[in-house]
Amino acid sequence: MQRMRPRPHIFGAFLLLLFLPQGIATANEPTNDDIAFRKEVYVGKKDRLPYRLFVPLGYEATRKYPLLLWLHGTDGRGNDNVRQLTHENQLAAHFWISEEVQLKFPMFVLAPQCPTGQDWAEPEFNQPSKWLTLAMEALAKVQKDFSIDRDRVYVAGQSMGGLAVWSLLQNYRGKWAAAIIMSAYDTFSDIPAIGEVPLWVFQGDDDESVPVTMVRSMMAQLKKAHAKVRYTEYHRMNREVWNKAFAEPDLLPWLSAQKRGAPTGGQVGSGAAPSSR
């Protein structure tokens, strides 16, 4: 693949759009997200899956880049290829592509969109849905088209997307360098597979959808199996733990220190939950 020229800074391009004459604006005028994220559709044998792809600024095919697969929560569902980047999912999607993060850890961000009324995975059976399977096929396409470091492929998700992460850890064993899970549960069918991957799990103790007692039990199972798990529990917080998780100063250093098959040295902090009991 030929070396690509560095692209203009996405925020500078967005400011340029703001100062276009009013008469030039059209219904198809690109949004800030259209500038930041490429708008793509993966076409499978029977179904199509919208996805967004952030390519690091100044991408060079001669380098190997990390990639994060980000899986949205419930309100990101649809077929507009927009909602997975907005509303409750906006903070997460834009955290990874922020200038501060990208300067420290330039990486690809792949954000697929699950259709309305569908789910990424069913935690009672630990099986990915066809939409999550399509997301993995889209990931394979991105890995083929771009220079991706296969030892630094990460997966993260919130709420419904967190359910998907648990499923992927158990059904795509050996693929992940690390995983981040927020406000999600699982019944576990393959703890050894989960135990191979460094995890950071976030949970609120007032979560009405995912009882904290269930998550505490899950963490106990993983720690008993000597899994590489780090758990942070927020006191008096419902499911929207991402509002605090993305402000954790250790989050990016922890993630960037992880590499598939490598010791988990470099993890920051103890991983103990805040005192909330």
Protein backbone atom coordinates (compact mmCIF):
# COMPACT_ATOMS: atom_id res chain seq x y z
CA MET A 1 0.00 0.00 0.00
CA GLN A 2 1.35 3.45 -0.91
CA ARG A 3 2.29 5.87 1.78
CA MET A 4 -0.49 8.34 2.46
CA ARG A 5 0.12 12.03 2.88
CA PRO A 6 -0.70 13.49 6.30
CA ARG A 7 -4.24 14.83 6.40
CA PRO A 8 -5.12 18.32 7.68
CA HIS A 9 -6.00 18.38 11.34
CA ILE A 10 -9.63 17.37 11.72
CA PHE A 11 -10.49 20.29 13.97
CA GLY A 12 -8.93 22.79 11.59
CA ALA A 13 -10.99 21.32 8.77
CA PHE A 14 -14.12 21.61 10.84
CA LEU A 15 -13.43 25.28 11.60
CA LEU A 16 -13.04 25.91 7.89
CA LEU A 17 -16.54 24.52 7.33
CA LEU A 18 -17.95 26.89 9.90
CA PHE A 19 -16.78 29.90 7.93
CA LEU A 20 -18.15 28.85 4.54
CA PRO A 21 -20.73 31.30 3.10
CA GLN A 22 -24.22 30.40 4.24
CA GLY A 23 -25.46 29.93 0.70
CA ILE A 24 -22.97 27.10 0.07
CA ALA A 25 -24.21 24.85 2.85
CA THR A 26 -26.21 21.82 1.72
CA ALA A 27 -27.97 18.91 3.38
CA ASN A 28 -24.93 16.77 2.53
CA GLU A 29 -22.41 19.08 4.16
CA PRO A 30 -20.00 16.93 6.21
CA THR A 31 -20.21 17.04 9.97
CA ASN A 32 -17.24 17.10 12.29
CA ASP A 33 -17.60 13.32 12.70
CA ASP A 34 -17.62 12.87 8.92
CA ILE A 35 -14.26 14.63 8.84
CA ALA A 36 -12.86 12.64 11.74
CA PHE A 37 -14.33 9.22 10.96
CA ARG A 38 -14.53 7.55 7.58
CA LYS A 39 -18.08 6.41 6.87
CA GLU A 40 -18.09 2.81 5.63
CA VAL A 41 -20.40 -0.17 5.20
CA TYR A 42 -19.26 -3.76 5.43
CA VAL A 43 -21.16 -5.98 2.99
CA GLY A 44 -21.43 -9.60 4.10
CA LYS A 45 -22.97 -12.54 2.26
CA LYS A 46 -26.51 -11.62 3.33
CA ASP A 47 -26.34 -8.51 5.50
CA ARG A 48 -24.72 -5.10 5.63
CA LEU A 49 -23.14 -3.46 8.67
CA PRO A 50 -22.45 0.29 8.89
CA TYR A 51 -19.23 1.27 10.60
CA ARG A 52 -17.01 4.25 11.22
CA LEU A 53 -13.25 4.15 11.00
CA PHE A 54 -10.78 6.64 12.42
CA VAL A 55 -7.40 6.54 10.68
CA PRO A 56 -4.55 8.19 12.64
CA LEU A 57 -3.43 11.50 11.21
CA GLY A 58 -0.32 11.15 9.08
CA TYR A 59 -0.91 7.43 8.64
CA GLU A 60 2.10 5.66 7.10
CA ALA A 61 1.81 2.16 5.68
CA THR A 62 5.40 1.46 6.71
CA ARG A 63 4.43 1.61 10.40
CA LYS A 64 2.34 -0.79 12.44
CA TYR A 65 -0.57 0.80 14.31
CA PRO A 66 -2.70 -0.33 17.25
CA LEU A 67 -6.45 -0.66 16.70
CA LEU A 68 -9.35 -0.36 19.12
CA LEU A 69 -12.69 -2.00 18.34
CA TRP A 70 -15.29 0.15 20.11
CA LEU A 71 -18.74 -1.38 20.68
CA HIS A 72 -21.57 1.03 21.43
CA GLY A 73 -24.38 0.78 23.95
CA THR A 74 -28.12 0.40 23.38
CA ASP A 75 -28.91 3.91 22.16
CA GLY A 76 -26.28 3.64 19.43
CA ARG A 77 -28.36 1.13 17.46
CA GLY A 78 -29.68 1.99 14.00
CA ASN A 79 -28.59 2.14 10.38
CA ASP A 80 -27.66 5.82 10.07
CA ASN A 81 -23.96 5.23 10.85
CA VAL A 82 -24.17 8.16 13.25
CA ARG A 83 -25.78 7.15 16.53
CA GLN A 84 -22.84 4.97 17.59
CA LEU A 85 -20.84 8.21 17.82
CA THR A 86 -23.44 10.38 19.56
CA HIS A 87 -25.58 10.68 22.70
CA GLU A 88 -24.41 8.21 25.37
CA ASN A 89 -21.72 6.90 23.03
CA GLN A 90 -20.22 10.26 22.15
CA LEU A 91 -17.83 10.50 25.09
CA ALA A 92 -16.25 7.11 24.41
CA ALA A 93 -16.02 7.38 20.63
CA HIS A 94 -14.39 10.81 20.83
CA PHE A 95 -12.11 10.05 23.74
CA TRP A 96 -10.06 7.64 21.66
CA ILE A 97 -9.66 10.03 18.73
CA SER A 98 -8.93 13.13 20.81
CA GLU A 99 -5.75 14.99 20.04
CA GLU A 100 -4.41 14.33 23.54
CA VAL A 101 -4.83 10.57 23.20
CA GLN A 102 -3.70 10.31 19.59
CA LEU A 103 -0.50 12.28 20.23
CA LYS A 104 0.43 9.82 22.97
CA PHE A 105 -0.92 6.65 21.35
CA PRO A 106 -1.88 7.00 17.66
CA MET A 107 -4.31 4.21 16.90
CA PHE A 108 -7.16 3.22 14.62
CA VAL A 109 -10.68 3.23 16.06
CA LEU A 110 -13.32 0.98 14.51
CA ALA A 111 -16.92 1.70 15.58
CA PRO A 112 -19.55 -0.57 13.98
CA GLN A 113 -23.30 -0.02 14.40
CA CYS A 114 -25.78 -2.71 15.47
CA PRO A 115 -29.27 -2.47 13.88
CA THR A 116 -32.30 -1.23 15.81
CA GLY A 117 -33.93 -3.95 17.88
CA GLN A 118 -30.89 -6.23 17.64
CA ASP A 119 -28.11 -7.06 20.10
CA TRP A 120 -24.39 -7.59 19.84
CA ALA A 121 -24.47 -10.74 21.96
CA GLU A 122 -26.57 -12.83 24.31
CA PRO A 123 -24.79 -13.16 27.67
CA GLU A 124 -26.83 -16.17 28.78
CA PHE A 125 -25.42 -18.23 25.92
CA ASN A 126 -22.07 -16.49 25.34
CA GLN A 127 -22.62 -16.42 21.62
CA PRO A 128 -22.05 -13.45 19.32
CA SER A 129 -25.00 -12.37 17.19
CA LYS A 130 -24.65 -12.24 13.42
CA TRP A 131 -24.09 -8.50 13.76
CA LEU A 132 -21.13 -9.00 16.06
CA THR A 133 -19.80 -11.62 13.63
CA LEU A 134 -20.11 -9.03 10.86
CA ALA A 135 -18.24 -6.55 13.03
CA MET A 136 -15.40 -9.06 13.30
CA GLU A 137 -15.44 -9.48 9.52
CA ALA A 138 -15.22 -5.70 9.17
CA LEU A 139 -12.27 -5.76 11.55
CA ALA A 140 -10.56 -8.38 9.38
CA LYS A 141 -11.09 -6.13 6.35
CA VAL A 142 -9.53 -3.15 8.10
CA GLN A 143 -6.56 -5.31 9.11
CA LYS A 144 -6.14 -6.32 5.47
CA ASP A 145 -6.45 -2.79 4.09
CA PHE A 146 -4.23 -1.00 6.61
CA SER A 147 -1.01 -1.61 8.49
CA ILE A 148 -2.33 -2.89 11.84
CA ASP A 149 -0.22 -4.38 14.62
CA ARG A 150 -1.96 -7.69 15.30
CA ASP A 151 -0.38 -7.82 18.75
CA ARG A 152 -2.07 -4.56 19.72
CA VAL A 153 -5.72 -5.07 18.84
CA TYR A 154 -7.93 -3.92 21.71
CA VAL A 155 -11.66 -4.25 22.35
CA ALA A 156 -13.86 -2.07 24.53
CA GLY A 157 -17.55 -1.50 25.05
CA GLN A 158 -20.17 0.01 27.29
CA SER A 159 -23.52 -1.41 28.38
CA MET A 160 -24.75 -3.56 25.45
CA GLY A 161 -21.29 -3.18 23.95
CA GLY A 162 -19.78 -4.52 27.16
CA LEU A 163 -21.86 -7.69 26.75
CA ALA A 164 -20.25 -8.01 23.32
CA VAL A 165 -16.76 -7.71 24.75
CA TRP A 166 -17.36 -10.62 27.12
CA SER A 167 -18.59 -12.67 24.15
CA LEU A 168 -15.61 -11.79 21.96
CA LEU A 169 -13.11 -12.68 24.66
CA GLN A 170 -14.59 -16.18 24.84
CA ASN A 171 -15.34 -16.75 21.15
CA TYR A 172 -12.29 -15.14 19.52
CA ARG A 173 -9.62 -16.46 21.79
CA GLY A 174 -6.05 -15.33 21.29
CA LYS A 175 -6.90 -12.18 19.35
CA TRP A 176 -6.94 -9.42 21.95
CA ALA A 177 -4.18 -7.43 23.62
CA ALA A 178 -6.52 -5.98 26.27
CA ALA A 179 -10.18 -5.28 26.94
CA ILE A 180 -12.23 -2.58 28.68
CA ILE A 181 -15.77 -3.34 29.86
CA MET A 182 -18.24 -0.87 31.34
CA SER A 183 -21.58 -1.72 32.96
CA ALA A 184 -22.03 -5.25 31.62
CA TYR A 185 -22.35 -8.82 32.85
CA ASP A 186 -21.81 -12.35 31.59
CA THR A 187 -22.44 -15.91 32.75
CA PHE A 188 -18.97 -17.15 31.64
CA SER A 189 -18.54 -20.29 29.60
CA ASP A 190 -14.77 -20.03 29.08
CA ILE A 191 -12.98 -18.39 32.00
CA PRO A 192 -9.51 -19.58 30.81
CA ALA A 193 -10.00 -17.65 27.55
CA ILE A 194 -10.96 -14.51 29.46
CA GLY A 195 -8.03 -15.02 31.81
CA GLU A 196 -5.54 -14.68 28.98
CA VAL A 197 -6.44 -11.05 28.34
CA PRO A 198 -5.69 -8.05 30.59
CA LEU A 199 -9.06 -6.57 31.57
CA TRP A 200 -10.25 -3.36 33.14
CA VAL A 201 -13.86 -3.61 34.30
CA PHE A 202 -15.88 -0.58 35.44
CA GLN A 203 -19.14 -0.83 37.38
CA GLY A 204 -21.45 1.42 39.39
CA ASP A 205 -22.85 0.08 42.64
CA ASP A 206 -26.27 1.69 41.94
CA ASP A 207 -26.63 0.17 38.47
CA GLU A 208 -30.26 -0.89 38.10
CA SER A 209 -29.68 -2.91 34.92
CA VAL A 210 -26.57 -4.81 36.01
CA PRO A 211 -26.64 -5.61 39.74
CA VAL A 212 -23.31 -4.87 41.34
CA THR A 213 -23.52 -8.12 43.34
CA MET A 214 -23.47 -10.03 40.07
CA VAL A 215 -20.40 -8.18 38.83
CA ARG A 216 -18.62 -8.65 42.15
CA SER A 217 -19.28 -12.37 41.88
CA MET A 218 -17.88 -12.37 38.33
CA MET A 219 -14.73 -10.60 39.50
CA ALA A 220 -14.31 -13.10 42.30
CA GLN A 221 -14.51 -15.96 39.78
CA LEU A 222 -11.91 -14.34 37.54
CA LYS A 223 -9.52 -13.55 40.36
CA LYS A 224 -9.85 -17.08 41.69
CA ALA A 225 -8.77 -18.25 38.24
CA HIS A 226 -5.81 -15.81 38.37
CA ALA A 227 -7.19 -13.74 35.50
CA LYS A 228 -5.49 -10.46 34.63
CA VAL A 229 -8.39 -8.35 35.81
CA ARG A 230 -8.50 -4.83 37.15
CA TYR A 231 -11.80 -3.74 38.68
CA THR A 232 -13.04 -0.24 39.47
CA GLU A 233 -16.36 0.24 41.22
CA TYR A 234 -17.92 3.67 41.60
CA HIS A 235 -19.97 4.40 44.70
CA ARG A 236 -23.53 5.75 44.28
CA MET A 237 -23.33 5.61 40.50
CA ASN A 238 -25.74 4.06 38.01
CA ARG A 239 -24.74 2.44 34.73
CA GLU A 240 -23.20 5.57 33.18
CA VAL A 241 -19.79 4.82 34.65
CA TRP A 242 -18.14 5.96 31.42
CA ASN A 243 -18.53 9.54 32.62
CA LYS A 244 -15.90 8.75 35.26
CA ALA A 245 -13.97 5.97 33.56
CA PHE A 246 -12.74 8.16 30.73
CA ALA A 247 -11.44 10.65 33.26
CA GLU A 248 -9.24 8.01 34.93
CA PRO A 249 -5.64 9.18 34.47
CA ASP A 250 -4.39 5.58 34.33
CA LEU A 251 -6.69 4.45 31.52
CA LEU A 252 -4.55 5.32 28.52
CA PRO A 253 -1.20 4.38 30.13
CA TRP A 254 -2.69 1.04 31.12
CA LEU A 255 -4.10 0.31 27.67
CA SER A 256 -1.01 1.39 25.77
CA ALA A 257 1.18 -0.83 27.95
CA GLN A 258 -0.65 -3.98 26.86
CA LYS A 259 0.51 -6.23 24.06
CA ARG A 260 -0.83 -9.64 23.08
CA GLY A 261 1.11 -12.47 24.66
CA ALA A 262 3.28 -10.15 26.76
CA PRO A 263 3.48 -10.05 30.57
CA THR A 264 1.11 -7.53 32.11
CA GLY A 265 3.91 -5.42 33.51
CA GLY A 266 3.31 -1.76 33.05
CA GLN A 267 -0.18 -1.76 34.44
CA VAL A 268 -0.68 1.30 36.56
CA GLY A 269 -2.15 1.16 40.03
CA SER A 270 -3.49 -1.70 42.11
CA GLY A 271 -6.76 -2.18 40.30
CA ALA A 272 -8.62 -2.28 43.59
CA ALA A 273 -12.14 -0.91 43.71
CA PRO A 274 -12.76 2.37 45.54
CA SER A 275 -14.04 1.91 49.06
CA SER A 276 -17.78 1.66 48.56
CA ARG A 277 -18.97 -1.07 50.87
